[in-house]
């Protein structure tokens, strides 16, 4: 059976900390945690900024979609009016041709 306990041959402890005292290890641990906290805070700020940008982009896309819908509505109405006017012009043209033929017969 192997021995259990602290030894200088413990493979889980890096060589860089093998000669540290408990207070030194604790200070190093707190230093690492403080550095991680700073990194997480910076990451949080970046994510918050990205969220704001995404919100602005989403609002702009909604606005642009509304504009496109308005343009589509205007185009549809204009197309319908154009079809109606074209039909009336054809009707007038047929009547004009009919009337012209009547005048030519006299």
PDB file of N, CA and C in Angstrom:
ATOM      1  N   UNK A   1       0.825  -1.172   0.000  1.00  0.00           N
ATOM      2  CA  UNK A   1       0.000   0.000   0.000  1.00  0.00           C
ATOM      3  C   UNK A   1       0.873   1.240   0.000  1.00  0.00           C
ATOM      4  N   UNK A   2       0.445   2.286  -0.759  1.00  0.00           N
ATOM      5  CA  UNK A   2       1.226   3.514  -0.794  1.00  0.00           C
ATOM      6  C   UNK A   2       0.943   4.381   0.413  1.00  0.00           C
ATOM      7  N   UNK A   3       1.778   5.329   0.600  1.00  0.00           N
ATOM      8  CA  UNK A   3       1.586   6.238   1.713  1.00  0.00           C
ATOM      9  C   UNK A   3       0.726   7.412   1.286  1.00  0.00           C
ATOM     10  N   UNK A   4      -0.029   7.929   2.216  1.00  0.00           N
ATOM     11  CA  UNK A   4      -0.888   9.078   1.967  1.00  0.00           C
ATOM     12  C   UNK A   4      -0.329  10.242   2.760  1.00  0.00           C
ATOM     13  N   UNK A   5      -0.235  11.366   2.138  1.00  0.00           N
ATOM     14  CA  UNK A   5       0.254  12.526   2.872  1.00  0.00           C
ATOM     15  C   UNK A   5       0.955  13.490   1.953  1.00  0.00           C
ATOM     16  N   UNK A   6       1.596  14.467   2.560  1.00  0.00           N
ATOM     17  CA  UNK A   6       2.286  15.511   1.811  1.00  0.00           C
ATOM     18  C   UNK A   6       3.716  15.074   1.587  1.00  0.00           C
ATOM     19  N   UNK A   7       4.127  15.155   0.371  1.00  0.00           N
ATOM     20  CA  UNK A   7       5.523  14.852   0.103  1.00  0.00           C
ATOM     21  C   UNK A   7       6.003  15.756  -1.020  1.00  0.00           C
ATOM     22  N   UNK A   8       7.281  15.886  -1.147  1.00  0.00           N
ATOM     23  CA  UNK A   8       7.837  16.730  -2.200  1.00  0.00           C
ATOM     24  C   UNK A   8       7.726  16.039  -3.554  1.00  0.00           C
ATOM     25  N   UNK A   9       7.352  14.783  -3.559  1.00  0.00           N
ATOM     26  CA  UNK A   9       7.231  14.033  -4.801  1.00  0.00           C
ATOM     27  C   UNK A   9       5.781  13.961  -5.291  1.00  0.00           C
ATOM     28  N   UNK A  10       4.860  14.733  -4.685  1.00  0.00           N
ATOM     29  CA  UNK A  10       3.442  14.730  -5.072  1.00  0.00           C
ATOM     30  C   UNK A  10       3.335  15.263  -6.501  1.00  0.00           C
ATOM     31  N   UNK A  11       2.887  14.439  -7.464  1.00  0.00           N
ATOM     32  CA  UNK A  11       2.872  14.859  -8.867  1.00  0.00           C
ATOM     33  C   UNK A  11       1.813  15.927  -9.178  1.00  0.00           C
ATOM     34  N   UNK A  12       0.847  16.133  -8.306  1.00  0.00           N
ATOM     35  CA  UNK A  12      -0.206  17.108  -8.567  1.00  0.00           C
ATOM     36  C   UNK A  12       0.225  18.535  -8.238  1.00  0.00           C
ATOM     37  N   UNK A  13       1.235  18.701  -7.438  1.00  0.00           N
ATOM     38  CA  UNK A  13       1.677  20.040  -7.059  1.00  0.00           C
ATOM     39  C   UNK A  13       2.783  20.486  -8.012  1.00  0.00           C
ATOM     40  N   UNK A  14       2.587  21.643  -8.655  1.00  0.00           N
ATOM     41  CA  UNK A  14       3.630  22.120  -9.578  1.00  0.00           C
ATOM     42  C   UNK A  14       4.905  22.477  -8.823  1.00  0.00           C
ATOM     43  N   UNK A  15       6.005  22.343  -9.512  1.00  0.00           N
ATOM     44  CA  UNK A  15       7.297  22.639  -8.890  1.00  0.00           C
ATOM     45  C   UNK A  15       7.390  24.091  -8.430  1.00  0.00           C
ATOM     46  N   UNK A  16       6.677  24.971  -9.137  1.00  0.00           N
ATOM     47  CA  UNK A  16       6.761  26.394  -8.800  1.00  0.00           C
ATOM     48  C   UNK A  16       6.166  26.711  -7.433  1.00  0.00           C
ATOM     49  N   UNK A  17       5.354  25.836  -6.879  1.00  0.00           N
ATOM     50  CA  UNK A  17       4.740  26.114  -5.577  1.00  0.00           C
ATOM     51  C   UNK A  17       5.179  25.127  -4.496  1.00  0.00           C
ATOM     52  N   UNK A  18       6.050  24.226  -4.814  1.00  0.00           N
ATOM     53  CA  UNK A  18       6.439  23.201  -3.833  1.00  0.00           C
ATOM     54  C   UNK A  18       7.119  23.806  -2.604  1.00  0.00           C
ATOM     55  N   UNK A  19       7.822  24.880  -2.735  1.00  0.00           N
ATOM     56  CA  UNK A  19       8.544  25.464  -1.606  1.00  0.00           C
ATOM     57  C   UNK A  19       7.785  26.616  -0.961  1.00  0.00           C
ATOM     58  N   UNK A  20       6.500  26.804  -1.308  1.00  0.00           N
ATOM     59  CA  UNK A  20       5.708  27.884  -0.737  1.00  0.00           C
ATOM     60  C   UNK A  20       5.141  27.457   0.609  1.00  0.00           C
ATOM     61  N   UNK A  21       5.022  28.415   1.524  1.00  0.00           N
ATOM     62  CA  UNK A  21       4.346  28.158   2.793  1.00  0.00           C
ATOM     63  C   UNK A  21       2.844  28.293   2.566  1.00  0.00           C
ATOM     64  N   UNK A  22       2.060  27.892   3.540  1.00  0.00           N
ATOM     65  CA  UNK A  22       0.603  27.996   3.433  1.00  0.00           C
ATOM     66  C   UNK A  22       0.174  29.452   3.241  1.00  0.00           C
ATOM     67  N   UNK A  23       0.684  30.419   3.995  1.00  0.00           N
ATOM     68  CA  UNK A  23       0.299  31.814   3.755  1.00  0.00           C
ATOM     69  C   UNK A  23       0.680  32.295   2.348  1.00  0.00           C
ATOM     70  N   UNK A  24       1.821  31.846   1.841  1.00  0.00           N
ATOM     71  CA  UNK A  24       2.223  32.236   0.492  1.00  0.00           C
ATOM     72  C   UNK A  24       1.273  31.632  -0.553  1.00  0.00           C
ATOM     73  N   UNK A  25       0.898  30.381  -0.363  1.00  0.00           N
ATOM     74  CA  UNK A  25      -0.050  29.746  -1.274  1.00  0.00           C
ATOM     75  C   UNK A  25      -1.400  30.446  -1.227  1.00  0.00           C
ATOM     76  N   UNK A  26      -1.826  30.821   0.002  1.00  0.00           N
ATOM     77  CA  UNK A  26      -3.097  31.530   0.146  1.00  0.00           C
ATOM     78  C   UNK A  26      -3.041  32.882  -0.563  1.00  0.00           C
ATOM     79  N   UNK A  27      -1.937  33.620  -0.400  1.00  0.00           N
ATOM     80  CA  UNK A  27      -1.783  34.907  -1.073  1.00  0.00           C
ATOM     81  C   UNK A  27      -1.791  34.732  -2.592  1.00  0.00           C
ATOM     82  N   UNK A  28      -1.099  33.691  -3.065  1.00  0.00           N
ATOM     83  CA  UNK A  28      -1.088  33.426  -4.503  1.00  0.00           C
ATOM     84  C   UNK A  28      -2.500  33.087  -4.988  1.00  0.00           C
ATOM     85  N   UNK A  29      -3.194  32.308  -4.204  1.00  0.00           N
ATOM     86  CA  UNK A  29      -4.575  31.930  -4.541  1.00  0.00           C
ATOM     87  C   UNK A  29      -5.458  33.181  -4.635  1.00  0.00           C
ATOM     88  N   UNK A  30      -5.366  34.065  -3.653  1.00  0.00           N
ATOM     89  CA  UNK A  30      -6.160  35.298  -3.667  1.00  0.00           C
ATOM     90  C   UNK A  30      -5.774  36.186  -4.848  1.00  0.00           C
ATOM     91  N   UNK A  31      -4.492  36.217  -5.159  1.00  0.00           N
ATOM     92  CA  UNK A  31      -4.028  37.001  -6.297  1.00  0.00           C
ATOM     93  C   UNK A  31      -4.611  36.458  -7.608  1.00  0.00           C
ATOM     94  N   UNK A  32      -4.614  35.137  -7.745  1.00  0.00           N
ATOM     95  CA  UNK A  32      -5.177  34.508  -8.953  1.00  0.00           C
ATOM     96  C   UNK A  32      -6.679  34.790  -9.040  1.00  0.00           C
ATOM     97  N   UNK A  33      -7.372  34.693  -7.932  1.00  0.00           N
ATOM     98  CA  UNK A  33      -8.816  34.962  -7.922  1.00  0.00           C
ATOM     99  C   UNK A  33      -9.085  36.423  -8.280  1.00  0.00           C
ATOM    100  N   UNK A  34      -8.275  37.345  -7.743  1.00  0.00           N
ATOM    101  CA  UNK A  34      -8.449  38.767  -8.054  1.00  0.00           C
ATOM    102  C   UNK A  34      -8.217  39.018  -9.551  1.00  0.00           C
ATOM    103  N   UNK A  35      -7.216  38.370 -10.106  1.00  0.00           N
ATOM    104  CA  UNK A  35      -6.946  38.508 -11.541  1.00  0.00           C
ATOM    105  C   UNK A  35      -8.113  37.940 -12.363  1.00  0.00           C
ATOM    106  N   UNK A  36      -8.640  36.805 -11.942  1.00  0.00           N
ATOM    107  CA  UNK A  36      -9.799  36.228 -12.639  1.00  0.00           C
ATOM    108  C   UNK A  36     -11.006  37.161 -12.532  1.00  0.00           C
ATOM    109  N   UNK A  37     -11.196  37.754 -11.369  1.00  0.00           N
ATOM    110  CA  UNK A  37     -12.311  38.700 -11.197  1.00  0.00           C
ATOM    111  C   UNK A  37     -12.175  39.886 -12.146  1.00  0.00           C
ATOM    112  N   UNK A  38     -10.952  40.422 -12.271  1.00  0.00           N
ATOM    113  CA  UNK A  38     -10.730  41.530 -13.208  1.00  0.00           C
ATOM    114  C   UNK A  38     -11.020  41.095 -14.647  1.00  0.00           C
ATOM    115  N   UNK A  39     -10.586  39.906 -14.981  1.00  0.00           N
ATOM    116  CA  UNK A  39     -10.854  39.379 -16.318  1.00  0.00           C
ATOM    117  C   UNK A  39     -12.346  39.183 -16.565  1.00  0.00           C
ATOM    118  N   UNK A  40     -13.044  38.669 -15.574  1.00  0.00           N
ATOM    119  CA  UNK A  40     -14.495  38.465 -15.711  1.00  0.00           C
ATOM    120  C   UNK A  40     -15.228  39.800 -15.796  1.00  0.00           C
ATOM    121  N   UNK A  41     -14.761  40.792 -15.044  1.00  0.00           N
ATOM    122  CA  UNK A  41     -15.376  42.117 -15.103  1.00  0.00           C
ATOM    123  C   UNK A  41     -15.196  42.728 -16.496  1.00  0.00           C
ATOM    124  N   UNK A  42     -13.984  42.581 -17.039  1.00  0.00           N
ATOM    125  CA  UNK A  42     -13.728  43.091 -18.396  1.00  0.00           C
ATOM    126  C   UNK A  42     -14.605  42.357 -19.410  1.00  0.00           C
ATOM    127  N   UNK A  43     -14.723  41.059 -19.263  1.00  0.00           N
ATOM    128  CA  UNK A  43     -15.569  40.262 -20.155  1.00  0.00           C
ATOM    129  C   UNK A  43     -17.027  40.691 -20.025  1.00  0.00           C
ATOM    130  N   UNK A  44     -17.458  40.946 -18.812  1.00  0.00           N
ATOM    131  CA  UNK A  44     -18.833  41.398 -18.582  1.00  0.00           C
ATOM    132  C   UNK A  44     -19.092  42.732 -19.283  1.00  0.00           C
ATOM    133  N   UNK A  45     -18.121  43.633 -19.228  1.00  0.00           N
ATOM    134  CA  UNK A  45     -18.269  44.928 -19.905  1.00  0.00           C
ATOM    135  C   UNK A  45     -18.355  44.755 -21.418  1.00  0.00           C
ATOM    136  N   UNK A  46     -17.533  43.867 -21.956  1.00  0.00           N
ATOM    137  CA  UNK A  46     -17.565  43.603 -23.399  1.00  0.00           C
ATOM    138  C   UNK A  46     -18.921  43.012 -23.798  1.00  0.00           C
ATOM    139  N   UNK A  47     -19.402  42.067 -23.024  1.00  0.00           N
ATOM    140  CA  UNK A  47     -20.692  41.435 -23.324  1.00  0.00           C
ATOM    141  C   UNK A  47     -21.820  42.456 -23.212  1.00  0.00           C
ATOM    142  N   UNK A  48     -21.754  43.314 -22.220  1.00  0.00           N
ATOM    143  CA  UNK A  48     -22.774  44.354 -22.054  1.00  0.00           C
ATOM    144  C   UNK A  48     -22.770  45.299 -23.257  1.00  0.00           C
ATOM    145  N   UNK A  49     -21.584  45.682 -23.704  1.00  0.00           N
ATOM    146  CA  UNK A  49     -21.474  46.560 -24.871  1.00  0.00           C
ATOM    147  C   UNK A  49     -22.012  45.857 -26.124  1.00  0.00           C
ATOM    148  N   UNK A  50     -21.696  44.582 -26.273  1.00  0.00           N
ATOM    149  CA  UNK A  50     -22.190  43.811 -27.418  1.00  0.00           C
ATOM    150  C   UNK A  50     -23.712  43.714 -27.386  1.00  0.00           C
ATOM    151  N   UNK A  51     -24.273  43.566 -26.189  1.00  0.00           N
ATOM    152  CA  UNK A  51     -25.729  43.507 -26.061  1.00  0.00           C
ATOM    153  C   UNK A  51     -26.360  44.823 -26.492  1.00  0.00           C
ATOM    154  N   UNK A  52     -25.751  45.935 -26.081  1.00  0.00           N
ATOM    155  CA  UNK A  52     -26.273  47.252 -26.481  1.00  0.00           C
ATOM    156  C   UNK A  52     -26.208  47.423 -27.990  1.00  0.00           C
ATOM    157  N   UNK A  53     -25.096  47.008 -28.579  1.00  0.00           N
ATOM    158  CA  UNK A  53     -24.947  47.102 -30.033  1.00  0.00           C
ATOM    159  C   UNK A  53     -25.997  46.229 -30.723  1.00  0.00           C
ATOM    160  N   UNK A  54     -26.189  45.022 -30.232  1.00  0.00           N
ATOM    161  CA  UNK A  54     -27.182  44.117 -30.824  1.00  0.00           C
ATOM    162  C   UNK A  54     -28.589  44.699 -30.721  1.00  0.00           C
ATOM    163  N   UNK A  55     -28.883  45.346 -29.604  1.00  0.00           N
ATOM    164  CA  UNK A  55     -30.198  45.971 -29.425  1.00  0.00           C
ATOM    165  C   UNK A  55     -30.395  47.102 -30.425  1.00  0.00           C
ATOM    166  N   UNK A  56     -29.364  47.928 -30.599  1.00  0.00           N
ATOM    167  CA  UNK A  56     -29.446  49.036 -31.564  1.00  0.00           C
ATOM    168  C   UNK A  56     -29.613  48.484 -32.981  1.00  0.00           C
ATOM    169  N   UNK A  57     -28.861  47.458 -33.312  1.00  0.00           N
ATOM    170  CA  UNK A  57     -28.981  46.849 -34.640  1.00  0.00           C
ATOM    171  C   UNK A  57     -30.379  46.270 -34.828  1.00  0.00           C
ATOM    172  N   UNK A  58     -30.900  45.604 -33.815  1.00  0.00           N
ATOM    173  CA  UNK A  58     -32.251  45.049 -33.894  1.00  0.00           C
ATOM    174  C   UNK A  58     -33.298  46.134 -34.101  1.00  0.00           C
ATOM    175  N   UNK A  59     -33.161  47.241 -33.380  1.00  0.00           N
ATOM    176  CA  UNK A  59     -34.091  48.368 -33.557  1.00  0.00           C
ATOM    177  C   UNK A  59     -34.006  48.924 -34.978  1.00  0.00           C
ATOM    178  N   UNK A  60     -32.783  49.038 -35.495  1.00  0.00           N
ATOM    179  CA  UNK A  60     -32.598  49.560 -36.856  1.00  0.00           C
ATOM    180  C   UNK A  60     -33.209  48.605 -37.879  1.00  0.00           C
ATOM    181  N   UNK A  61     -33.041  47.314 -37.677  1.00  0.00           N
ATOM    182  CA  UNK A  61     -33.633  46.327 -38.593  1.00  0.00           C
ATOM    183  C   UNK A  61     -35.155  46.435 -38.558  1.00  0.00           C
ATOM    184  N   UNK A  62     -35.727  46.587 -37.374  1.00  0.00           N
ATOM    185  CA  UNK A  62     -37.187  46.756 -37.268  1.00  0.00           C
ATOM    186  C   UNK A  62     -37.638  48.003 -38.013  1.00  0.00           C
ATOM    187  N   UNK A  63     -36.903  49.102 -37.847  1.00  0.00           N
ATOM    188  CA  UNK A  63     -37.237  50.355 -38.521  1.00  0.00           C
ATOM    189  C   UNK A  63     -37.151  50.182 -40.042  1.00  0.00           C
ATOM    190  N   UNK A  64     -36.074  49.551 -40.497  1.00  0.00           N
ATOM    191  CA  UNK A  64     -35.900  49.326 -41.938  1.00  0.00           C
ATOM    192  C   UNK A  64     -37.004  48.417 -42.483  1.00  0.00           C
ATOM    193  N   UNK A  65     -37.392  47.408 -41.721  1.00  0.00           N
ATOM    194  CA  UNK A  65     -38.489  46.533 -42.146  1.00  0.00           C
ATOM    195  C   UNK A  65     -39.795  47.308 -42.274  1.00  0.00           C
ATOM    196  N   UNK A  66     -40.049  48.218 -41.335  1.00  0.00           N
ATOM    197  CA  UNK A  66     -41.247  49.063 -41.425  1.00  0.00           C
ATOM    198  C   UNK A  66     -41.208  49.921 -42.683  1.00  0.00           C
ATOM    199  N   UNK A  67     -40.026  50.493 -42.982  1.00  0.00           N
ATOM    200  CA  UNK A  67     -39.888  51.289 -44.201  1.00  0.00           C
ATOM    201  C   UNK A  67     -40.154  50.446 -45.447  1.00  0.00           C
ATOM    202  N   UNK A  68     -39.619  49.241 -45.462  1.00  0.00           N
ATOM    203  CA  UNK A  68     -39.818  48.355 -46.614  1.00  0.00           C
ATOM    204  C   UNK A  68     -41.294  48.010 -46.768  1.00  0.00           C
ATOM    205  N   UNK A  69     -41.967  47.750 -45.652  1.00  0.00           N
ATOM    206  CA  UNK A  69     -43.410  47.461 -45.720  1.00  0.00           C
ATOM    207  C   UNK A  69     -44.171  48.664 -46.263  1.00  0.00           C
ATOM    208  N   UNK A  70     -43.826  49.876 -45.826  1.00  0.00           N
ATOM    209  CA  UNK A  70     -44.476  51.089 -46.336  1.00  0.00           C
ATOM    210  C   UNK A  70     -44.236  51.242 -47.837  1.00  0.00           C
ATOM    211  N   UNK A  71     -42.999  51.035 -48.263  1.00  0.00           N
ATOM    212  CA  UNK A  71     -42.678  51.136 -49.687  1.00  0.00           C
ATOM    213  C   UNK A  71     -43.466  50.093 -50.477  1.00  0.00           C
ATOM    214  N   UNK A  72     -43.532  48.881 -49.954  1.00  0.00           N
ATOM    215  CA  UNK A  72     -44.277  47.814 -50.627  1.00  0.00           C
ATOM    216  C   UNK A  72     -45.748  48.195 -50.762  1.00  0.00           C
ATOM    217  N   UNK A  73     -46.325  48.756 -49.701  1.00  0.00           N
ATOM    218  CA  UNK A  73     -47.725  49.194 -49.758  1.00  0.00           C
ATOM    219  C   UNK A  73     -47.913  50.270 -50.823  1.00  0.00           C
ATOM    220  N   UNK A  74     -47.001  51.233 -50.868  1.00  0.00           N
ATOM    221  CA  UNK A  74     -47.091  52.310 -51.868  1.00  0.00           C
ATOM    222  C   UNK A  74     -46.945  51.755 -53.283  1.00  0.00           C
ATOM    223  N   UNK A  75     -46.024  50.836 -53.464  1.00  0.00           N
ATOM    224  CA  UNK A  75     -45.821  50.226 -54.784  1.00  0.00           C
ATOM    225  C   UNK A  75     -47.070  49.447 -55.198  1.00  0.00           C
ATOM    226  N   UNK A  76     -47.658  48.707 -54.267  1.00  0.00           N
ATOM    227  CA  UNK A  76     -48.876  47.951 -54.579  1.00  0.00           C
ATOM    228  C   UNK A  76     -50.008  48.894 -54.987  1.00  0.00           C
ATOM    229  N   UNK A  77     -50.194  49.975 -54.235  1.00  0.00           N
ATOM    230  CA  UNK A  77     -51.251  50.939 -54.580  1.00  0.00           C
ATOM    231  C   UNK A  77     -50.978  51.599 -55.929  1.00  0.00           C
ATOM    232  N   UNK A  78     -49.716  51.942 -56.171  1.00  0.00           N
ATOM    233  CA  UNK A  78     -49.360  52.561 -57.448  1.00  0.00           C
ATOM    234  C   UNK A  78     -49.580  51.581 -58.597  1.00  0.00           C
ATOM    235  N   UNK A  79     -49.216  50.331 -58.393  1.00  0.00           N
ATOM    236  CA  UNK A  79     -49.436  49.309 -59.421  1.00  0.00           C
ATOM    237  C   UNK A  79     -50.925  49.160 -59.718  1.00  0.00           C
ATOM    238  N   UNK A  80     -51.727  49.107 -58.668  1.00  0.00           N
ATOM    239  CA  UNK A  80     -53.179  48.971 -58.854  1.00  0.00           C
ATOM    240  C   UNK A  80     -53.740  50.175 -59.610  1.00  0.00           C
ATOM    241  N   UNK A  81     -53.284  51.377 -59.261  1.00  0.00           N
ATOM    242  CA  UNK A  81     -53.750  52.577 -59.979  1.00  0.00           C
ATOM    243  C   UNK A  81     -53.297  52.553 -61.434  1.00  0.00           C
ATOM    244  N   UNK A  82     -52.079  52.092 -61.661  1.00  0.00           N
ATOM    245  CA  UNK A  82     -51.550  52.018 -63.015  1.00  0.00           C
ATOM    246  C   UNK A  82     -52.343  51.022 -63.853  1.00  0.00           C
ATOM    247  N   UNK A  83     -52.674  49.884 -63.277  1.00  0.00           N
ATOM    248  CA  UNK A  83     -53.490  48.882 -63.987  1.00  0.00           C
ATOM    249  C   UNK A  83     -54.853  49.471 -64.310  1.00  0.00           C
ATOM    250  N   UNK A  84     -55.446  50.169 -63.354  1.00  0.00           N
ATOM    251  CA  UNK A  84     -56.757  50.788 -63.582  1.00  0.00           C
ATOM    252  C   UNK A  84     -56.696  51.852 -64.665  1.00  0.00           C
ATOM    253  N   UNK A  85     -55.682  52.714 -64.600  1.00  0.00           N
ATOM    254  CA  UNK A  85     -55.547  53.773 -65.607  1.00  0.00           C
ATOM    255  C   UNK A  85     -55.258  53.182 -66.983  1.00  0.00           C
ATOM    256  N   UNK A  86     -54.446  52.145 -67.039  1.00  0.00           N
ATOM    257  CA  UNK A  86     -54.152  51.484 -68.320  1.00  0.00           C
ATOM    258  C   UNK A  86     -55.427  50.908 -68.916  1.00  0.00           C
ATOM    259  N   UNK A  87     -56.251  50.318 -68.078  1.00  0.00           N
ATOM    260  CA  UNK A  87     -57.531  49.771 -68.550  1.00  0.00           C
ATOM    261  C   UNK A  87     -58.416  50.887 -69.092  1.00  0.00           C
ATOM    262  N   UNK A  88     -58.471  52.013 -68.404  1.00  0.00           N
ATOM    263  CA  UNK A  88     -59.295  53.141 -68.877  1.00  0.00           C
ATOM    264  C   UNK A  88     -58.758  53.706 -70.199  1.00  0.00           C
ATOM    265  N   UNK A  89     -57.441  53.777 -70.330  1.00  0.00           N
ATOM    266  CA  UNK A  89     -56.846  54.270 -71.578  1.00  0.00           C
ATOM    267  C   UNK A  89     -57.191  53.324 -72.723  1.00  0.00           C
ATOM    268  N   UNK A  90     -57.139  52.035 -72.470  1.00  0.00           N
ATOM    269  CA  UNK A  90     -57.509  51.070 -73.516  1.00  0.00           C
ATOM    270  C   UNK A  90     -58.975  51.228 -73.910  1.00  0.00           C
ATOM    271  N   UNK A  91     -59.811  51.426 -72.900  1.00  0.00           N
ATOM    272  CA  UNK A  91     -61.244  51.610 -73.190  1.00  0.00           C
ATOM    273  C   UNK A  91     -61.444  52.861 -74.030  1.00  0.00           C
ATOM    274  N   UNK A  92     -60.796  53.947 -73.652  1.00  0.00           N
ATOM    275  CA  UNK A  92     -60.922  55.203 -74.406  1.00  0.00           C
ATOM    276  C   UNK A  92     -60.359  55.020 -75.811  1.00  0.00           C
ATOM    277  N   UNK A  93     -59.253  54.311 -75.928  1.00  0.00           N
ATOM    278  CA  UNK A  93     -58.637  54.087 -77.233  1.00  0.00           C
ATOM    279  C   UNK A  93     -59.571  53.281 -78.129  1.00  0.00           C
ATOM    280  N   UNK A  94     -60.224  52.259 -77.570  1.00  0.00           N
ATOM    281  CA  UNK A  94     -61.177  51.459 -78.370  1.00  0.00           C
ATOM    282  C   UNK A  94     -62.357  52.326 -78.800  1.00  0.00           C
ATOM    283  N   UNK A  95     -62.861  53.123 -77.869  1.00  0.00           N
ATOM    284  CA  UNK A  95     -63.988  53.999 -78.215  1.00  0.00           C
ATOM    285  C   UNK A  95     -63.569  55.018 -79.273  1.00  0.00           C
ATOM    286  N   UNK A  96     -62.345  55.530 -79.140  1.00  0.00           N
ATOM    287  CA  UNK A  96     -61.850  56.507 -80.101  1.00  0.00           C
ATOM    288  C   UNK A  96     -61.731  55.866 -81.484  1.00  0.00           C
ATOM    289  N   UNK A  97     -61.221  54.639 -81.514  1.00  0.00           N
ATOM    290  CA  UNK A  97     -61.119  53.943 -82.796  1.00  0.00           C
ATOM    291  C   UNK A  97     -62.497  53.677 -83.385  1.00  0.00           C
ATOM    292  N   UNK A  98     -63.462  53.345 -82.552  1.00  0.00           N
ATOM    293  CA  UNK A  98     -64.815  53.087 -83.012  1.00  0.00           C
ATOM    294  C   UNK A  98     -65.436  54.371 -83.544  1.00  0.00           C
ATOM    295  N   UNK A  99     -65.251  55.457 -82.793  1.00  0.00           N
ATOM    296  CA  UNK A  99     -65.788  56.741 -83.232  1.00  0.00           C
ATOM    297  C   UNK A  99     -65.102  57.203 -84.504  1.00  0.00           C
ATOM    298  N   UNK A 100     -63.831  56.979 -84.628  1.00  0.00           N
ATOM    299  CA  UNK A 100     -63.092  57.370 -85.817  1.00  0.00           C
ATOM    300  C   UNK A 100     -63.603  56.632 -87.030  1.00  0.00           C
ATOM    301  N   UNK A 101     -63.931  55.376 -86.835  1.00  0.00           N
ATOM    302  CA  UNK A 101     -64.459  54.593 -87.947  1.00  0.00           C
ATOM    303  C   UNK A 101     -65.830  55.093 -88.342  1.00  0.00           C
ATOM    304  N   UNK A 102     -66.627  55.566 -87.413  1.00  0.00           N
ATOM    305  CA  UNK A 102     -67.953  56.093 -87.712  1.00  0.00           C
ATOM    306  C   UNK A 102     -67.824  57.347 -88.528  1.00  0.00           C
ATOM    307  N   UNK A 103     -66.867  58.214 -88.166  1.00  0.00           N
ATOM    308  CA  UNK A 103     -66.691  59.459 -88.910  1.00  0.00           C
ATOM    309  C   UNK A 103     -66.181  59.202 -90.336  1.00  0.00           C
ATOM    310  N   UNK A 104     -65.381  58.163 -90.454  1.00  0.00           N
ATOM    311  CA  UNK A 104     -64.841  57.850 -91.788  1.00  0.00           C
ATOM    312  C   UNK A 104     -65.915  57.296 -92.708  1.00  0.00           C
ATOM    313  N   UNK A 105     -66.959  56.694 -92.118  1.00  0.00           N
ATOM    314  CA  UNK A 105     -68.025  56.120 -92.934  1.00  0.00           C
ATOM    315  C   UNK A 105     -68.952  57.177 -93.467  1.00  0.00           C
ATOM    316  N   UNK A 106     -68.963  58.324 -92.923  1.00  0.00           N
ATOM    317  CA  UNK A 106     -69.901  59.369 -93.389  1.00  0.00           C
ATOM    318  C   UNK A 106     -69.348  60.186 -94.474  1.00  0.00           C
TER     319      UNK A 106
END
